[in-house]
C-alpha cells in the first residue's frame, strides 16, 4: 500500500531556506507523478510544484525561481528546496502522488512557518 511521509518543515526567517522531503513507500515511486501542495489557514490547497514520471517539472508562479522540486528514485524520495522564503509561503506542505490510473495519495503534511 502506498504511503507518503513528509518531513523537514519548521520555522525559518524571511529570506531563509528550507528543504522538505517526502518518502514514498509501498510501490515504486518511478511510476507516479509527484507533487507538492500547500495550504495556508483559511485558504484553499494549492499546487506548488510537480514532477512527472519522466522528470518534467512545473511550478506555481508564486514560487518560480525560488523553489526547486526534485526526486531521488533510488531513495524513493521527493524533495522541495525552498529558498528566499517569504511569510506568504507559510503553510502546511503536502506530498501528493498520482498513479497512471489517476489514483491519488497524500501525506500527512509538514508545517512550514516563515516569520521573523
N, C-alpha and C. Protein backbone atom coordinates (compact mmCIF):
# COMPACT_ATOMS: atom_id res chain seq x y z
N UNK A 1 0.84 -1.18 0.00
CA UNK A 1 0.00 0.00 0.00
C UNK A 1 0.89 1.24 0.00
N UNK A 2 0.51 2.20 -0.82
CA UNK A 2 1.29 3.42 -0.95
C UNK A 2 1.17 4.27 0.31
N UNK A 3 2.31 4.76 0.76
CA UNK A 3 2.34 5.65 1.90
C UNK A 3 3.33 6.77 1.64
N UNK A 4 2.96 7.98 2.01
CA UNK A 4 3.81 9.14 1.84
C UNK A 4 4.01 9.79 3.20
N UNK A 5 5.25 10.09 3.53
CA UNK A 5 5.57 10.70 4.80
C UNK A 5 6.47 11.90 4.59
N UNK A 6 5.97 13.08 4.94
CA UNK A 6 6.75 14.30 4.80
C UNK A 6 7.58 14.58 6.04
N UNK A 7 8.64 15.34 5.84
CA UNK A 7 9.46 15.78 6.96
C UNK A 7 10.23 17.02 6.53
N UNK A 8 10.85 17.67 7.48
CA UNK A 8 11.72 18.80 7.17
C UNK A 8 11.12 20.17 7.39
N UNK A 9 9.86 20.23 7.74
CA UNK A 9 9.24 21.52 7.99
C UNK A 9 9.78 22.14 9.26
N UNK A 10 9.49 23.41 9.44
CA UNK A 10 9.95 24.11 10.62
C UNK A 10 9.77 25.60 10.50
N UNK A 11 10.41 26.31 11.42
CA UNK A 11 10.36 27.76 11.46
C UNK A 11 11.62 28.35 10.86
N UNK A 12 11.45 29.23 9.89
CA UNK A 12 12.59 29.90 9.26
C UNK A 12 12.30 31.39 9.13
N UNK A 13 13.36 32.17 9.04
CA UNK A 13 13.22 33.61 8.88
C UNK A 13 12.98 33.96 7.41
N UNK A 14 12.32 35.08 7.16
CA UNK A 14 12.18 35.53 5.77
C UNK A 14 13.54 35.62 5.09
N UNK A 15 13.60 35.15 3.86
CA UNK A 15 14.85 35.13 3.14
C UNK A 15 15.65 33.86 3.35
N UNK A 16 15.23 33.06 4.28
CA UNK A 16 15.93 31.83 4.58
C UNK A 16 15.56 30.69 3.65
N UNK A 17 16.13 29.53 3.92
CA UNK A 17 15.91 28.36 3.10
C UNK A 17 15.50 27.16 3.94
N UNK A 18 14.81 26.25 3.30
CA UNK A 18 14.36 25.04 3.95
C UNK A 18 14.15 23.98 2.89
N UNK A 19 14.41 22.74 3.22
CA UNK A 19 14.13 21.65 2.31
C UNK A 19 13.20 20.65 2.99
N UNK A 20 12.07 20.40 2.36
CA UNK A 20 11.15 19.41 2.85
C UNK A 20 11.28 18.15 2.01
N UNK A 21 11.03 17.02 2.64
CA UNK A 21 11.19 15.73 1.98
C UNK A 21 9.93 14.90 2.11
N UNK A 22 9.77 13.97 1.19
CA UNK A 22 8.64 13.06 1.20
C UNK A 22 9.14 11.68 0.83
N UNK A 23 9.02 10.75 1.74
CA UNK A 23 9.42 9.38 1.48
C UNK A 23 8.22 8.58 1.00
N UNK A 24 8.38 7.93 -0.13
CA UNK A 24 7.34 7.13 -0.77
C UNK A 24 7.62 5.66 -0.50
N UNK A 25 6.61 4.94 -0.07
CA UNK A 25 6.77 3.51 0.16
C UNK A 25 5.53 2.75 -0.30
N UNK A 26 5.69 1.46 -0.48
CA UNK A 26 4.58 0.61 -0.88
C UNK A 26 4.56 0.27 -2.36
N UNK A 27 5.31 0.97 -3.14
CA UNK A 27 5.40 0.75 -4.57
C UNK A 27 6.63 1.48 -5.08
N UNK A 28 6.84 1.44 -6.37
CA UNK A 28 7.95 2.18 -6.97
C UNK A 28 7.48 3.58 -7.31
N UNK A 29 8.14 4.57 -6.75
CA UNK A 29 7.76 5.95 -7.00
C UNK A 29 7.98 6.37 -8.45
N UNK A 30 8.74 5.59 -9.18
CA UNK A 30 9.03 5.92 -10.58
C UNK A 30 7.79 5.90 -11.46
N UNK A 31 6.74 5.25 -11.01
CA UNK A 31 5.52 5.13 -11.80
C UNK A 31 4.46 6.15 -11.40
N UNK A 32 4.84 7.12 -10.61
CA UNK A 32 3.91 8.13 -10.13
C UNK A 32 4.40 9.53 -10.43
N UNK A 33 3.48 10.36 -10.86
CA UNK A 33 3.74 11.79 -10.90
C UNK A 33 3.71 12.25 -9.44
N UNK A 34 4.62 13.13 -9.09
CA UNK A 34 4.72 13.58 -7.71
C UNK A 34 4.55 15.09 -7.64
N UNK A 35 3.88 15.53 -6.60
CA UNK A 35 3.58 16.94 -6.45
C UNK A 35 3.74 17.41 -5.02
N UNK A 36 3.98 18.69 -4.89
CA UNK A 36 3.90 19.36 -3.60
C UNK A 36 2.74 20.35 -3.64
N UNK A 37 1.88 20.25 -2.67
CA UNK A 37 0.79 21.19 -2.47
C UNK A 37 1.02 21.90 -1.14
N UNK A 38 0.35 23.00 -0.96
CA UNK A 38 0.39 23.66 0.33
C UNK A 38 -0.97 24.27 0.64
N UNK A 39 -1.23 24.42 1.91
CA UNK A 39 -2.48 25.01 2.34
C UNK A 39 -2.24 25.90 3.55
N UNK A 40 -2.57 27.15 3.40
CA UNK A 40 -2.46 28.11 4.48
C UNK A 40 -3.82 28.22 5.17
N UNK A 41 -3.83 28.64 6.43
CA UNK A 41 -5.10 28.77 7.15
C UNK A 41 -6.10 29.66 6.40
N UNK A 42 -7.31 29.16 6.25
CA UNK A 42 -8.34 29.92 5.58
C UNK A 42 -8.26 29.96 4.07
N UNK A 43 -7.30 29.25 3.51
CA UNK A 43 -7.13 29.25 2.06
C UNK A 43 -7.26 27.84 1.49
N UNK A 44 -7.50 27.79 0.20
CA UNK A 44 -7.61 26.51 -0.48
C UNK A 44 -6.23 25.90 -0.69
N UNK A 45 -6.21 24.59 -0.75
CA UNK A 45 -4.96 23.90 -1.05
C UNK A 45 -4.55 24.21 -2.48
N UNK A 46 -3.29 24.53 -2.67
CA UNK A 46 -2.81 24.90 -3.99
C UNK A 46 -1.59 24.08 -4.40
N UNK A 47 -1.49 23.85 -5.68
CA UNK A 47 -0.34 23.14 -6.22
C UNK A 47 0.87 24.07 -6.24
N UNK A 48 1.95 23.62 -5.66
CA UNK A 48 3.18 24.40 -5.60
C UNK A 48 4.14 24.00 -6.71
N UNK A 49 4.35 22.70 -6.85
CA UNK A 49 5.28 22.19 -7.84
C UNK A 49 4.97 20.74 -8.14
N UNK A 50 5.34 20.30 -9.33
CA UNK A 50 5.13 18.92 -9.71
C UNK A 50 6.28 18.40 -10.53
N UNK A 51 6.48 17.10 -10.48
CA UNK A 51 7.50 16.45 -11.29
C UNK A 51 6.90 15.15 -11.81
N UNK A 52 7.02 14.92 -13.10
CA UNK A 52 6.39 13.77 -13.73
C UNK A 52 7.26 12.53 -13.65
N UNK A 53 6.71 11.42 -14.14
CA UNK A 53 7.45 10.17 -14.17
C UNK A 53 8.69 10.25 -15.06
N UNK A 54 8.66 11.17 -16.02
CA UNK A 54 9.80 11.32 -16.92
C UNK A 54 10.68 12.51 -16.56
N UNK A 55 10.37 13.16 -15.44
CA UNK A 55 11.24 14.21 -14.94
C UNK A 55 10.89 15.64 -15.30
N UNK A 56 9.81 15.84 -16.03
CA UNK A 56 9.42 17.21 -16.34
C UNK A 56 8.87 17.88 -15.09
N UNK A 57 9.14 19.16 -14.94
CA UNK A 57 8.73 19.88 -13.74
C UNK A 57 7.86 21.08 -14.08
N UNK A 58 7.08 21.48 -13.12
CA UNK A 58 6.29 22.69 -13.25
C UNK A 58 6.15 23.33 -11.88
N UNK A 59 5.96 24.65 -11.88
CA UNK A 59 5.87 25.41 -10.64
C UNK A 59 4.75 26.43 -10.70
N UNK A 60 4.20 26.70 -9.55
CA UNK A 60 3.26 27.79 -9.44
C UNK A 60 4.02 29.10 -9.63
N UNK A 61 3.37 30.08 -10.22
CA UNK A 61 4.03 31.36 -10.47
C UNK A 61 4.61 31.97 -9.19
N UNK A 62 3.94 31.78 -8.09
CA UNK A 62 4.37 32.38 -6.83
C UNK A 62 5.71 31.87 -6.32
N UNK A 63 6.14 30.70 -6.80
CA UNK A 63 7.37 30.12 -6.28
C UNK A 63 8.45 29.95 -7.35
N UNK A 64 8.16 30.29 -8.58
CA UNK A 64 9.14 30.14 -9.65
C UNK A 64 10.40 30.95 -9.34
N UNK A 65 11.53 30.31 -9.54
CA UNK A 65 12.80 30.96 -9.28
C UNK A 65 13.27 30.84 -7.86
N UNK A 66 12.40 30.40 -6.97
CA UNK A 66 12.75 30.26 -5.56
C UNK A 66 12.74 28.82 -5.08
N UNK A 67 11.81 28.03 -5.60
CA UNK A 67 11.66 26.64 -5.18
C UNK A 67 12.14 25.69 -6.28
N UNK A 68 12.64 24.55 -5.86
CA UNK A 68 13.07 23.52 -6.80
C UNK A 68 12.56 22.16 -6.34
N UNK A 69 11.84 21.49 -7.21
CA UNK A 69 11.36 20.15 -6.91
C UNK A 69 12.29 19.14 -7.56
N UNK A 70 12.54 18.05 -6.87
CA UNK A 70 13.39 17.01 -7.40
C UNK A 70 12.99 15.67 -6.81
N UNK A 71 13.45 14.61 -7.43
CA UNK A 71 13.17 13.28 -6.90
C UNK A 71 14.41 12.41 -7.00
N UNK A 72 14.60 11.60 -5.98
CA UNK A 72 15.68 10.64 -5.95
C UNK A 72 15.02 9.27 -6.06
N UNK A 73 15.09 8.69 -7.24
CA UNK A 73 14.41 7.43 -7.48
C UNK A 73 14.98 6.28 -6.66
N UNK A 74 16.27 6.30 -6.44
CA UNK A 74 16.90 5.24 -5.67
C UNK A 74 16.42 5.25 -4.22
N UNK A 75 16.15 6.44 -3.70
CA UNK A 75 15.71 6.57 -2.32
C UNK A 75 14.20 6.70 -2.18
N UNK A 76 13.50 6.68 -3.31
CA UNK A 76 12.05 6.86 -3.30
C UNK A 76 11.65 8.10 -2.51
N UNK A 77 12.37 9.17 -2.76
CA UNK A 77 12.17 10.39 -2.00
C UNK A 77 11.97 11.58 -2.92
N UNK A 78 11.01 12.40 -2.56
CA UNK A 78 10.70 13.64 -3.25
C UNK A 78 11.17 14.79 -2.37
N UNK A 79 11.72 15.82 -3.00
CA UNK A 79 12.22 16.97 -2.26
C UNK A 79 11.63 18.27 -2.80
N UNK A 80 11.57 19.24 -1.93
CA UNK A 80 11.25 20.59 -2.34
C UNK A 80 12.23 21.52 -1.63
N UNK A 81 13.15 22.07 -2.39
CA UNK A 81 14.11 23.03 -1.86
C UNK A 81 13.47 24.41 -1.97
N UNK A 82 13.35 25.08 -0.85
CA UNK A 82 12.70 26.38 -0.79
C UNK A 82 13.71 27.44 -0.37
N UNK A 83 13.96 28.38 -1.25
CA UNK A 83 14.89 29.47 -0.99
C UNK A 83 14.15 30.80 -1.00
N UNK A 84 14.81 31.80 -0.46
CA UNK A 84 14.23 33.15 -0.41
C UNK A 84 12.80 33.13 0.11
N UNK A 85 12.63 32.44 1.19
CA UNK A 85 11.28 32.25 1.73
C UNK A 85 10.64 33.55 2.19
N UNK A 86 9.35 33.62 1.99
CA UNK A 86 8.55 34.77 2.35
C UNK A 86 7.48 34.36 3.35
N UNK A 87 6.98 35.30 4.15
CA UNK A 87 5.90 34.96 5.07
C UNK A 87 4.70 34.34 4.36
N UNK A 88 4.46 34.74 3.13
CA UNK A 88 3.36 34.21 2.35
C UNK A 88 3.51 32.72 2.03
N UNK A 89 4.71 32.19 2.21
CA UNK A 89 4.95 30.77 1.98
C UNK A 89 4.52 29.91 3.16
N UNK A 90 4.17 30.54 4.26
CA UNK A 90 3.74 29.81 5.44
C UNK A 90 2.51 28.97 5.13
N UNK A 91 2.61 27.68 5.38
CA UNK A 91 1.52 26.76 5.08
C UNK A 91 1.92 25.36 5.52
N UNK A 92 0.95 24.48 5.48
CA UNK A 92 1.25 23.06 5.61
C UNK A 92 1.53 22.55 4.21
N UNK A 93 2.66 21.92 4.06
CA UNK A 93 3.07 21.40 2.75
C UNK A 93 2.79 19.91 2.69
N UNK A 94 2.08 19.51 1.63
CA UNK A 94 1.66 18.13 1.45
C UNK A 94 2.30 17.49 0.23
N UNK A 95 2.72 16.28 0.40
CA UNK A 95 3.22 15.47 -0.70
C UNK A 95 2.06 14.73 -1.33
N UNK A 96 2.05 14.66 -2.64
CA UNK A 96 0.98 14.01 -3.38
C UNK A 96 1.57 13.14 -4.48
N UNK A 97 1.00 11.96 -4.66
CA UNK A 97 1.43 11.06 -5.72
C UNK A 97 0.22 10.63 -6.52
N UNK A 98 0.37 10.58 -7.84
CA UNK A 98 -0.71 10.20 -8.73
C UNK A 98 -0.25 9.08 -9.65
N UNK A 99 -1.00 7.99 -9.66
CA UNK A 99 -0.66 6.85 -10.50
C UNK A 99 -1.11 7.06 -11.93
N UNK A 100 -0.68 6.16 -12.80
CA UNK A 100 -1.10 6.21 -14.19
C UNK A 100 -2.61 6.16 -14.33
N UNK A 101 -3.25 5.40 -13.45
CA UNK A 101 -4.69 5.26 -13.48
C UNK A 101 -5.44 6.40 -12.83
N UNK A 102 -4.71 7.38 -12.29
CA UNK A 102 -5.35 8.54 -11.70
C UNK A 102 -5.60 8.43 -10.20
N UNK A 103 -5.13 7.37 -9.58
CA UNK A 103 -5.28 7.24 -8.13
C UNK A 103 -4.35 8.22 -7.43
N UNK A 104 -4.87 8.91 -6.45
CA UNK A 104 -4.10 9.90 -5.73
C UNK A 104 -3.84 9.52 -4.29
N UNK A 105 -2.66 9.87 -3.80
CA UNK A 105 -2.27 9.58 -2.43
C UNK A 105 -1.68 10.83 -1.81
N UNK A 106 -1.89 10.97 -0.52
CA UNK A 106 -1.46 12.15 0.21
C UNK A 106 -0.69 11.80 1.46
N UNK A 107 0.28 12.64 1.78
CA UNK A 107 0.96 12.54 3.05
C UNK A 107 0.19 13.32 4.09
N UNK A 108 0.69 13.31 5.31
CA UNK A 108 0.03 14.00 6.41
C UNK A 108 0.35 15.49 6.45
N UNK A 109 1.39 15.88 5.78
CA UNK A 109 1.77 17.28 5.72
C UNK A 109 2.84 17.64 6.72
N UNK A 110 3.58 18.69 6.40
CA UNK A 110 4.59 19.21 7.30
C UNK A 110 4.48 20.74 7.33
N UNK A 111 4.51 21.29 8.52
CA UNK A 111 4.30 22.73 8.69
C UNK A 111 5.56 23.52 8.38
N UNK A 112 5.39 24.52 7.54
CA UNK A 112 6.47 25.46 7.24
C UNK A 112 6.00 26.84 7.66
N UNK A 113 6.74 27.46 8.55
CA UNK A 113 6.39 28.79 9.04
C UNK A 113 7.54 29.74 8.75
N UNK A 114 7.24 30.82 8.05
CA UNK A 114 8.24 31.82 7.72
C UNK A 114 7.91 33.09 8.48
N UNK A 115 8.73 33.41 9.45
CA UNK A 115 8.46 34.55 10.31
C UNK A 115 9.74 35.04 10.94
N UNK A 116 9.79 36.34 11.19
CA UNK A 116 10.93 36.92 11.87
C UNK A 116 10.76 36.87 13.38
